[in-house]
Amino acid sequence: MGKRAKGEGSIFQRKSDGRWVGRISLGRDDKGRRIQKTVYGGTQGEVVDKIDNLKQQAKLNSKSVVSKDSVAAYLQNWLYDDVAVNRAGKTFEEYELASRLYIVPFIGAIKLNRLDAEALQKWQATLKRKSFSDNQRLRSIRTLRNALNKAVKLRKIPFNPCIALDKPRVERKEVIPLEREQCQTLFAECKSHRIGDIITLAAMTGLRKRELFALEWSAVNLSEGVLTVRKALEEIGGKITVKVPKTRTSRRVVTLEPIAINALASRMEKAVAEGFTPDEVPICFPDTLGGYLRGSNFDRNVWHPIRKSAGIPKTFKFHDLRHTQASLMLYAGVDLKVIQHRLGHASFATTANLYAHLMQDSQARATEKLSELMGQSRASEYIH
């Protein structure tokens, strides 16, 4: 029998006594813990039958517990019939997590058309009393609000009761970008690792991790000093897929300065030395077998060791290299609109909100340049 599909369970034969063993995950309990069952049999077919029976029983149990017109049932349909089809995999994963941990265990049994503002206020009070963080509560509200907006469009409910909820105030953590000397030290550490150049490229282009993981040599033109973002890697539940970025701003051409060009040229030399020529392995930064990188493996085996060797604090995440690129451009006097395009933000407001705290230094440098243009220092006219 070939490898069983996802959700079908795993079956293997024990070497110790020759008996067949089957294991299957049957979802999660009301506390969010995974429910796993193990069955045994003298033959492979016997174990297959037992697993199929477990799946059927779990399906019957779920139908008997969850009313078809409950909040839990609606969220299940919304997640799999709408979000999974029309939104990015990461969005589905976030909404599913919020539904499973923060919504269904508390208000899932309420009928959808009976869900009102008073019930939602009690729900949020319960989450706060049970020490859920402000960020978790905010995510729960956003998820339910989006789900109920769809319910309004489908005319399942007349209006969205989430509008009565006050959202928790969550302060955005201010990211401190790397200084020039830190960048230089980090880039030097990157050179000795087979794919360390990906870190240099991230800091000098602002590409997202998923964009870097999917980058192919066909999208790189070193002679003209540009690369084109055409694909992004998505890893959900251990499964890797390559997708075309959905927004027009994410599909973009990024110009490369000398440090980025050298990093890609260095990676090309290493790839050829490994036997990974562009014709055989089109990925710029593959794993040791020539396949796509996985986020957790990359963080553990590449990013954290290099970051630590360079003396970069543990609190500094790989994604923060995007902020470093933005700060370098702001320091160089680059317009925010250009930064928006380079980073692939969907809106100008996103860029402005993220980097407003860095704008003060840019304004100060702009004032200095204006004073130099007028032929005097800023304060000289007022000093007697």
Protein backbone atom coordinates (compact mmCIF):
# COMPACT_ATOMS: atom_id res chain seq x y z
CA MET A 1 0.00 0.00 0.00
CA GLY A 2 1.37 3.44 -0.92
CA LYS A 3 1.73 6.41 1.36
CA ARG A 4 -1.62 7.41 2.84
CA ALA A 5 -2.98 10.88 2.15
CA LYS A 6 -3.03 13.62 4.76
CA GLY A 7 -5.83 12.94 7.27
CA GLU A 8 -5.88 9.22 6.50
CA GLY A 9 -3.57 8.26 9.36
CA SER A 10 -0.29 6.33 9.31
CA ILE A 11 0.14 2.54 9.24
CA PHE A 12 3.30 0.54 9.84
CA GLN A 13 4.42 -2.94 10.88
CA ARG A 14 6.35 -3.39 14.12
CA LYS A 15 9.63 -5.22 13.72
CA SER A 16 9.51 -6.59 17.28
CA ASP A 17 6.43 -8.80 16.87
CA GLY A 18 5.20 -8.27 13.30
CA ARG A 19 1.90 -6.70 14.40
CA TRP A 20 0.44 -3.81 12.40
CA VAL A 21 -0.03 -0.41 14.05
CA GLY A 22 -2.22 2.46 12.91
CA ARG A 23 -2.28 6.03 14.22
CA ILE A 24 -4.67 8.83 13.30
CA SER A 25 -5.38 12.38 14.44
CA LEU A 26 -9.08 13.11 14.98
CA GLY A 27 -8.95 16.87 15.42
CA ARG A 28 -8.70 18.65 18.76
CA ASP A 29 -10.63 18.71 22.00
CA ASP A 30 -12.34 21.78 23.53
CA LYS A 31 -9.01 22.85 25.04
CA GLY A 32 -7.24 22.80 21.70
CA ARG A 33 -5.27 19.61 22.41
CA ARG A 34 -4.78 17.17 19.53
CA ILE A 35 -6.84 13.96 19.76
CA GLN A 36 -4.79 10.95 18.59
CA LYS A 37 -5.83 7.31 18.52
CA THR A 38 -3.73 4.16 18.03
CA VAL A 39 -5.09 0.79 16.85
CA TYR A 40 -3.49 -2.63 16.40
CA GLY A 41 -4.15 -5.65 14.20
CA GLY A 42 -2.71 -8.85 12.86
CA THR A 43 -2.95 -7.65 9.26
CA GLN A 44 -2.64 -4.35 7.45
CA GLY A 45 -6.23 -4.60 6.20
CA GLU A 46 -7.54 -5.07 9.73
CA VAL A 47 -5.82 -1.87 10.85
CA VAL A 48 -7.17 0.03 7.84
CA ASP A 49 -10.71 -1.02 8.77
CA LYS A 50 -10.23 0.06 12.39
CA ILE A 51 -8.93 3.49 11.34
CA ASP A 52 -11.86 3.95 8.95
CA ASN A 53 -14.26 3.07 11.77
CA LEU A 54 -12.61 5.64 14.07
CA LYS A 55 -12.94 8.32 11.38
CA GLN A 56 -16.62 7.49 10.83
CA GLN A 57 -17.37 7.55 14.56
CA ALA A 58 -15.58 10.88 14.98
CA LYS A 59 -17.62 12.32 12.11
CA LEU A 60 -20.88 11.15 13.70
CA ASN A 61 -19.86 12.53 17.10
CA SER A 62 -19.00 15.94 15.66
CA LYS A 63 -22.35 16.12 13.88
CA SER A 64 -24.27 15.23 17.02
CA VAL A 65 -22.45 17.78 19.20
CA VAL A 66 -22.42 20.78 16.87
CA SER A 67 -25.77 22.19 15.83
CA LYS A 68 -25.91 23.00 12.13
CA ASP A 69 -27.01 26.59 12.85
CA SER A 70 -24.50 27.27 15.65
CA VAL A 71 -21.59 29.69 15.62
CA ALA A 72 -19.19 26.71 15.57
CA ALA A 73 -20.86 25.18 12.52
CA TYR A 74 -20.90 28.50 10.68
CA LEU A 75 -17.21 29.13 11.42
CA GLN A 76 -16.34 25.64 10.15
CA ASN A 77 -18.13 26.30 6.86
CA TRP A 78 -16.69 29.81 6.56
CA LEU A 79 -13.14 28.58 7.11
CA TYR A 80 -13.21 25.70 4.63
CA ASP A 81 -15.64 27.01 2.00
CA ASP A 82 -14.54 30.65 1.92
CA VAL A 83 -11.21 31.41 3.61
CA ALA A 84 -9.42 28.25 2.41
CA VAL A 85 -10.55 28.95 -1.15
CA ASN A 86 -10.15 32.71 -1.41
CA ARG A 87 -7.40 33.70 1.03
CA ALA A 88 -3.74 32.87 1.52
CA GLY A 89 -2.87 29.71 3.42
CA LYS A 90 -1.29 31.71 6.23
CA THR A 91 -4.51 33.67 6.67
CA PHE A 92 -6.50 30.42 6.91
CA GLU A 93 -4.06 29.08 9.50
CA GLU A 94 -4.38 32.23 11.64
CA TYR A 95 -8.20 32.31 11.43
CA GLU A 96 -8.47 28.57 12.15
CA LEU A 97 -6.25 28.92 15.21
CA ALA A 98 -8.24 31.86 16.57
CA SER A 99 -11.55 30.05 15.94
CA ARG A 100 -10.38 26.86 17.61
CA LEU A 101 -8.72 28.39 20.67
CA TYR A 102 -10.47 31.69 21.37
CA ILE A 103 -13.97 31.51 19.86
CA VAL A 104 -15.55 28.05 19.58
CA PRO A 105 -14.76 26.83 23.15
CA PHE A 106 -16.60 29.88 24.57
CA ILE A 107 -19.43 30.86 22.19
CA GLY A 108 -19.43 28.03 19.63
CA ALA A 109 -22.67 26.47 20.94
CA ILE A 110 -24.70 29.68 20.58
CA LYS A 111 -27.00 29.80 17.56
CA LEU A 112 -25.67 32.20 14.96
CA ASN A 113 -28.87 34.26 14.80
CA ARG A 114 -28.92 34.54 18.62
CA LEU A 115 -25.39 35.92 18.90
CA ASP A 116 -25.66 39.48 20.19
CA ALA A 117 -23.44 42.25 21.57
CA GLU A 118 -24.11 41.26 25.18
CA ALA A 119 -22.91 37.69 24.55
CA LEU A 120 -19.78 39.00 22.83
CA GLN A 121 -18.97 41.36 25.70
CA LYS A 122 -19.26 38.48 28.16
CA TRP A 123 -17.06 36.39 25.86
CA GLN A 124 -14.32 39.01 25.85
CA ALA A 125 -14.60 39.45 29.61
CA THR A 126 -14.15 35.68 30.01
CA LEU A 127 -11.05 35.69 27.83
CA LYS A 128 -9.56 38.54 29.87
CA ARG A 129 -10.42 36.82 33.15
CA LYS A 130 -8.71 33.65 31.91
CA SER A 131 -5.55 35.70 31.23
CA PHE A 132 -5.62 35.64 27.43
CA SER A 133 -3.33 38.42 26.20
CA ASP A 134 -4.58 41.63 24.58
CA ASN A 135 -3.07 40.47 21.30
CA GLN A 136 -4.91 37.14 21.48
CA ARG A 137 -8.20 38.89 22.25
CA LEU A 138 -7.65 41.32 19.37
CA ARG A 139 -7.04 38.41 16.98
CA SER A 140 -10.20 36.72 18.23
CA ILE A 141 -12.28 39.83 17.53
CA ARG A 142 -10.77 40.34 14.09
CA THR A 143 -11.42 36.73 13.14
CA LEU A 144 -15.03 36.75 14.34
CA ARG A 145 -15.68 40.19 12.81
CA ASN A 146 -14.49 38.98 9.39
CA ALA A 147 -16.53 35.79 9.68
CA LEU A 148 -19.70 37.68 10.64
CA ASN A 149 -19.18 40.25 7.88
CA LYS A 150 -19.51 37.34 5.48
CA ALA A 151 -22.59 36.13 7.34
CA VAL A 152 -24.19 39.54 6.81
CA LYS A 153 -23.44 39.36 3.07
CA LEU A 154 -24.99 35.89 2.97
CA ARG A 155 -28.04 37.30 4.84
CA LYS A 156 -27.67 34.82 7.65
CA ILE A 157 -27.74 37.70 10.17
CA PRO A 158 -29.04 41.30 9.75
CA PHE A 159 -25.92 43.04 11.11
CA ASN A 160 -22.54 42.30 12.68
CA PRO A 161 -22.70 42.47 16.51
CA CYS A 162 -18.90 42.82 16.67
CA ILE A 163 -19.29 46.54 15.96
CA ALA A 164 -20.24 46.99 19.63
CA LEU A 165 -16.96 45.56 20.89
CA ASP A 166 -14.10 47.78 22.02
CA LYS A 167 -10.85 46.40 20.63
CA PRO A 168 -7.99 45.88 23.12
CA ARG A 169 -5.18 48.38 22.73
CA VAL A 170 -2.10 46.53 21.56
CA GLU A 171 1.03 48.61 21.31
CA ARG A 172 3.11 47.84 18.25
CA LYS A 173 6.59 46.72 19.23
CA GLU A 174 9.07 49.23 17.91
CA VAL A 175 11.76 47.41 15.95
CA ILE A 176 15.26 48.79 16.34
CA PRO A 177 17.01 48.36 12.97
CA LEU A 178 20.64 47.32 12.71
CA GLU A 179 23.32 50.00 12.64
CA ARG A 180 25.74 50.13 9.72
CA GLU A 181 28.53 48.49 11.73
CA GLN A 182 26.20 45.67 12.79
CA CYS A 183 25.25 45.10 9.16
CA GLN A 184 28.88 44.89 8.14
CA THR A 185 29.65 42.35 10.88
CA LEU A 186 26.56 40.31 9.96
CA PHE A 187 27.42 40.31 6.25
CA ALA A 188 30.96 39.13 7.02
CA GLU A 189 29.58 36.17 9.02
CA CYS A 190 27.25 35.27 6.14
CA LYS A 191 30.07 34.63 3.68
CA SER A 192 31.24 31.36 5.22
CA HIS A 193 27.84 29.63 5.14
CA ARG A 194 26.59 27.90 1.98
CA ILE A 195 23.40 29.98 1.87
CA GLY A 196 24.36 32.77 4.27
CA ASP A 197 24.12 35.24 1.39
CA ILE A 198 20.33 35.08 1.75
CA ILE A 199 20.66 37.17 4.92
CA THR A 200 22.70 39.82 3.15
CA LEU A 201 20.19 39.89 0.31
CA ALA A 202 17.29 40.22 2.77
CA ALA A 203 18.86 43.24 4.46
CA MET A 204 19.75 44.94 1.17
CA THR A 205 16.45 44.32 -0.69
CA GLY A 206 13.79 43.99 2.01
CA LEU A 207 12.40 40.80 0.44
CA ARG A 208 10.18 38.69 2.68
CA LYS A 209 11.44 35.30 3.82
CA ARG A 210 8.83 33.47 1.70
CA GLU A 211 9.90 35.51 -1.36
CA LEU A 212 13.57 34.71 -0.81
CA PHE A 213 12.84 30.99 -0.35
CA ALA A 214 11.02 30.91 -3.73
CA LEU A 215 13.53 33.09 -5.61
CA GLU A 216 14.85 31.45 -8.80
CA TRP A 217 17.85 32.30 -10.94
CA SER A 218 15.55 33.00 -13.90
CA ALA A 219 14.22 35.98 -11.93
CA VAL A 220 17.74 37.41 -11.33
CA ASN A 221 19.68 39.57 -13.79
CA LEU A 222 23.07 40.36 -12.28
CA SER A 223 24.34 42.26 -15.35
CA GLU A 224 21.44 44.73 -15.13
CA GLY A 225 21.35 44.64 -11.33
CA VAL A 226 17.68 43.68 -10.87
CA LEU A 227 15.59 40.81 -9.61
CA THR A 228 11.88 40.18 -10.11
CA VAL A 229 9.62 38.94 -7.33
CA ARG A 230 7.33 36.46 -9.07
CA LYS A 231 6.74 33.74 -6.50
CA ALA A 232 6.39 33.20 -2.76
CA LEU A 233 6.72 30.04 -0.72
CA GLU A 234 3.90 28.99 1.58
CA GLU A 235 4.34 26.39 4.29
CA ILE A 236 1.13 25.31 6.01
CA GLY A 237 0.93 22.23 8.20
CA GLY A 238 4.28 20.98 6.91
CA LYS A 239 3.17 21.18 3.27
CA ILE A 240 5.12 23.49 0.94
CA THR A 241 3.48 25.21 -2.02
CA VAL A 242 4.78 27.91 -4.34
CA LYS A 243 2.31 30.64 -5.22
CA VAL A 244 2.20 33.81 -7.26
CA PRO A 245 1.81 36.81 -4.93
CA LYS A 246 -1.82 37.92 -5.04
CA THR A 247 -1.33 41.68 -4.86
CA ARG A 248 0.10 43.71 -7.72
CA THR A 249 2.47 45.51 -5.34
CA SER A 250 3.98 42.20 -4.17
CA ARG A 251 4.84 41.28 -7.77
CA ARG A 252 7.63 43.77 -8.33
CA VAL A 253 11.05 44.51 -9.80
CA VAL A 254 13.73 45.29 -7.21
CA THR A 255 16.96 47.05 -8.15
CA LEU A 256 20.16 45.70 -6.64
CA GLU A 257 23.07 47.69 -5.29
CA PRO A 258 26.64 46.26 -5.27
CA ILE A 259 26.40 44.45 -1.92
CA ALA A 260 23.27 42.58 -3.03
CA ILE A 261 24.78 41.80 -6.45
CA ASN A 262 27.92 40.43 -4.81
CA ALA A 263 25.84 38.31 -2.44
CA LEU A 264 23.95 36.72 -5.34
CA ALA A 265 27.17 36.23 -7.32
CA SER A 266 28.73 34.56 -4.27
CA ARG A 267 25.74 32.27 -3.92
CA MET A 268 25.96 31.37 -7.62
CA GLU A 269 29.59 30.28 -7.19
CA LYS A 270 28.69 28.16 -4.16
CA ALA A 271 25.74 26.60 -6.01
CA VAL A 272 27.91 25.55 -8.94
CA ALA A 273 30.51 24.13 -6.52
CA GLU A 274 27.74 22.07 -4.89
CA GLY A 275 26.64 20.76 -8.27
CA PHE A 276 23.46 22.85 -8.16
CA THR A 277 23.69 24.56 -11.54
CA PRO A 278 20.75 26.86 -12.41
CA ASP A 279 19.59 24.42 -15.10
CA GLU A 280 19.38 21.53 -12.62
CA VAL A 281 18.33 23.43 -9.47
CA PRO A 282 16.59 26.71 -10.34
CA ILE A 283 16.22 27.79 -6.70
CA CYS A 284 18.73 30.42 -5.57
CA PHE A 285 18.76 29.26 -1.94
CA PRO A 286 17.93 25.52 -1.78
CA ASP A 287 18.39 23.10 1.08
CA THR A 288 21.25 20.60 0.97
CA LEU A 289 19.20 18.29 -1.28
CA GLY A 290 18.29 21.01 -3.77
CA GLY A 291 14.72 21.45 -2.51
CA TYR A 292 12.89 24.37 -0.97
CA LEU A 293 13.95 25.59 2.46
CA ARG A 294 11.66 25.12 5.46
CA GLY A 295 11.22 28.05 7.82
CA SER A 296 11.99 26.26 11.10
CA ASN A 297 15.07 24.48 9.67
CA PHE A 298 16.36 27.74 8.22
CA ASP A 299 15.97 29.61 11.51
CA ARG A 300 17.63 26.84 13.49
CA ASN A 301 20.51 25.99 11.13
CA VAL A 302 21.21 29.25 9.31
CA TRP A 303 19.74 32.41 10.77
CA HIS A 304 20.27 31.90 14.51
CA PRO A 305 23.87 30.60 14.29
CA ILE A 306 24.92 33.47 12.01
CA ARG A 307 23.02 36.07 14.06
CA LYS A 308 24.65 34.79 17.25
CA SER A 309 28.14 34.79 15.71
CA ALA A 310 27.62 38.39 14.60
CA GLY A 311 26.58 39.46 18.10
CA ILE A 312 23.05 40.42 17.02
CA PRO A 313 20.52 40.23 19.91
CA LYS A 314 18.22 37.20 20.09
CA THR A 315 15.22 39.53 20.01
CA PHE A 316 16.12 40.61 16.46
CA LYS A 317 14.10 38.45 14.05
CA PHE A 318 14.90 37.61 10.44
CA HIS A 319 11.84 39.61 9.36
CA ASP A 320 13.37 42.65 11.05
CA LEU A 321 15.90 42.79 8.22
CA ARG A 322 13.07 44.34 6.18
CA HIS A 323 12.94 47.15 8.71
CA THR A 324 16.69 47.54 8.48
CA GLN A 325 16.39 47.96 4.69
CA ALA A 326 13.68 50.59 5.20
CA SER A 327 15.76 52.50 7.76
CA LEU A 328 18.81 52.46 5.47
CA MET A 329 16.72 53.91 2.65
CA LEU A 330 15.16 56.56 4.88
CA TYR A 331 18.62 57.53 6.12
CA ALA A 332 19.69 57.89 2.49
CA GLY A 333 16.76 60.23 1.88
CA VAL A 334 14.70 57.81 -0.24
CA ASP A 335 11.04 58.79 -0.65
CA LEU A 336 8.49 56.70 1.27
CA LYS A 337 6.61 55.91 -1.94
CA VAL A 338 9.75 54.28 -3.34
CA ILE A 339 10.20 52.33 -0.10
CA GLN A 340 6.58 51.13 -0.34
CA HIS A 341 7.22 49.74 -3.82
CA ARG A 342 10.54 48.15 -2.87
CA LEU A 343 9.06 46.36 0.15
CA GLY A 344 5.90 45.35 -1.70
CA HIS A 345 3.44 46.94 0.72
CA ALA A 346 -0.14 46.95 -0.55
CA SER A 347 -0.75 50.53 0.61
CA PHE A 348 1.23 53.67 1.30
CA ALA A 349 -0.45 53.89 4.73
CA THR A 350 1.17 50.58 5.77
CA THR A 351 4.64 51.94 4.99
CA ALA A 352 3.97 55.29 6.67
CA ASN A 353 2.58 53.69 9.84
CA LEU A 354 5.44 51.21 10.14
CA TYR A 355 8.22 53.75 9.76
CA ALA A 356 6.74 56.96 11.17
CA HIS A 357 9.12 56.73 14.15
CA LEU A 358 12.09 56.85 11.75
CA MET A 359 10.84 59.92 9.91
CA GLN A 360 12.05 62.44 12.50
CA ASP A 361 15.71 61.82 11.68
CA SER A 362 14.90 62.05 7.96
CA GLN A 363 13.20 65.41 8.48
CA ALA A 364 16.20 66.68 10.42
CA ARG A 365 18.55 65.72 7.57
CA ALA A 366 16.18 67.30 5.05
CA THR A 367 16.25 70.55 7.07
CA GLU A 368 20.05 70.48 7.11
CA LYS A 369 20.15 70.01 3.33
CA LEU A 370 17.68 72.87 2.85
CA SER A 371 19.82 75.13 5.03
CA GLU A 372 22.93 74.16 3.04
CA LEU A 373 21.06 74.95 -0.16
CA MET A 374 20.22 78.44 1.18
CA GLY A 375 23.84 78.97 2.14
CA GLN A 376 23.58 79.10 5.91
CA SER A 377 23.23 76.97 8.98
CA ARG A 378 19.74 76.53 10.37
CA ALA A 379 20.19 78.71 13.45
CA SER A 380 22.76 81.29 12.31
CA GLU A 381 20.16 83.86 11.24
CA TYR A 382 18.66 84.00 14.72
CA ILE A 383 21.90 84.12 16.73
CA HIS A 384 23.08 87.64 17.65
